[in-house]
């Protein structure tokens, strides 16, 4: 863990016990754990915002590459084709009635 050997870890624990006493160690550990959790949450929030921003920029870039007006024109063209197909099918039926 962190490149620390067993003997070094023992010395660190011994020094911590001598400085803070055995009754304060659990409280210090809890406080350090909460601090590390808050730091991890903050970094995860930052990562999420960066990914979200990158996705939005990617979508904007895609629409820019396609040409903003070409997408609605393509959709309208498809709608017009479907309307034409429906008119071809229903045209003879409407005329019969």
Protein backbone atom coordinates (compact mmCIF):
# COMPACT_ATOMS: atom_id res chain seq x y z
CA UNK A 1 0.00 0.00 0.00
CA UNK A 2 1.62 3.30 -1.17
CA UNK A 3 5.01 1.53 -1.36
CA UNK A 4 5.23 1.24 2.43
CA UNK A 5 6.52 -1.98 3.95
CA UNK A 6 5.28 -3.71 7.09
CA UNK A 7 8.04 -2.35 9.33
CA UNK A 8 7.50 1.20 8.13
CA UNK A 9 3.76 0.90 8.69
CA UNK A 10 4.40 -0.33 12.25
CA UNK A 11 6.60 2.70 13.01
CA UNK A 12 3.97 5.10 11.59
CA UNK A 13 1.23 3.50 13.72
CA UNK A 14 3.45 3.62 16.79
CA UNK A 15 4.24 7.32 16.26
CA UNK A 16 0.53 8.11 15.69
CA UNK A 17 -0.39 6.32 18.93
CA UNK A 18 2.25 8.22 20.84
CA UNK A 19 1.19 11.61 19.41
CA UNK A 20 -2.60 11.30 19.56
CA UNK A 21 -3.33 8.52 22.02
CA UNK A 22 -5.45 5.44 21.47
CA UNK A 23 -8.78 7.19 22.15
CA UNK A 24 -8.28 9.83 19.38
CA UNK A 25 -7.11 7.47 16.60
CA UNK A 26 -10.62 6.19 15.58
CA UNK A 27 -11.94 9.77 15.43
CA UNK A 28 -8.99 10.87 13.28
CA UNK A 29 -9.44 7.86 10.99
CA UNK A 30 -13.16 8.65 10.58
CA UNK A 31 -12.39 12.28 9.77
CA UNK A 32 -9.74 11.28 7.24
CA UNK A 33 -12.15 8.78 5.68
CA UNK A 34 -14.88 11.43 5.33
CA UNK A 35 -12.40 13.85 3.82
CA UNK A 36 -11.19 11.30 1.31
CA UNK A 37 -14.81 10.45 0.41
CA UNK A 38 -15.62 14.13 -0.19
CA UNK A 39 -12.52 14.50 -2.34
CA UNK A 40 -13.46 11.41 -4.36
CA UNK A 41 -17.05 12.66 -4.81
CA UNK A 42 -15.77 16.05 -5.95
CA UNK A 43 -13.43 14.49 -8.51
CA UNK A 44 -16.23 12.23 -9.77
CA UNK A 45 -18.50 15.28 -10.17
CA UNK A 46 -15.81 17.05 -12.15
CA UNK A 47 -15.28 13.99 -14.35
CA UNK A 48 -19.04 13.76 -14.97
CA UNK A 49 -19.25 17.41 -15.98
CA UNK A 50 -16.27 17.03 -18.32
CA UNK A 51 -17.79 13.96 -19.99
CA UNK A 52 -21.19 15.64 -20.24
CA UNK A 53 -19.61 18.73 -21.81
CA UNK A 54 -17.62 16.58 -24.23
CA UNK A 55 -20.78 14.74 -25.32
CA UNK A 56 -22.62 18.02 -25.93
CA UNK A 57 -19.68 19.38 -27.90
CA UNK A 58 -19.53 16.14 -29.92
CA UNK A 59 -23.23 16.41 -30.77
CA UNK A 60 -22.82 20.06 -31.76
CA UNK A 61 -19.81 19.17 -33.91
CA UNK A 62 -21.77 16.39 -35.61
CA UNK A 63 -24.61 18.74 -36.51
CA UNK A 64 -22.13 21.37 -37.68
CA UNK A 65 -20.35 18.81 -39.84
CA UNK A 66 -23.64 17.72 -41.40
CA UNK A 67 -24.74 21.29 -41.88
CA UNK A 68 -27.45 22.58 -39.58
CA UNK A 69 -29.96 23.11 -42.37
CA UNK A 70 -29.35 19.75 -44.06
CA UNK A 71 -30.80 17.69 -41.17
CA UNK A 72 -34.26 19.36 -41.23
CA UNK A 73 -34.21 19.25 -45.03
CA UNK A 74 -33.46 15.52 -44.97
CA UNK A 75 -36.29 14.93 -42.50
CA UNK A 76 -38.70 17.02 -44.54
CA UNK A 77 -37.68 15.12 -47.67
CA UNK A 78 -38.44 11.80 -45.98
CA UNK A 79 -41.82 13.11 -44.77
CA UNK A 80 -42.67 14.25 -48.29
CA UNK A 81 -41.76 10.82 -49.69
CA UNK A 82 -44.01 9.09 -47.15
CA UNK A 83 -46.85 11.52 -47.95
CA UNK A 84 -46.42 10.76 -51.64
CA UNK A 85 -46.52 7.02 -50.97
CA UNK A 86 -49.70 7.41 -48.90
CA UNK A 87 -51.29 9.52 -51.63
CA UNK A 88 -50.40 6.84 -54.22
CA UNK A 89 -52.02 4.14 -52.10
CA UNK A 90 -55.12 6.05 -50.97
CA UNK A 91 -55.66 7.96 -54.22
CA UNK A 92 -57.59 5.18 -56.04
CA UNK A 93 -59.58 4.36 -52.88
CA UNK A 94 -60.73 7.96 -52.47
CA UNK A 95 -61.74 8.19 -56.13
CA UNK A 96 -63.94 5.07 -55.88
CA UNK A 97 -66.11 6.53 -53.15
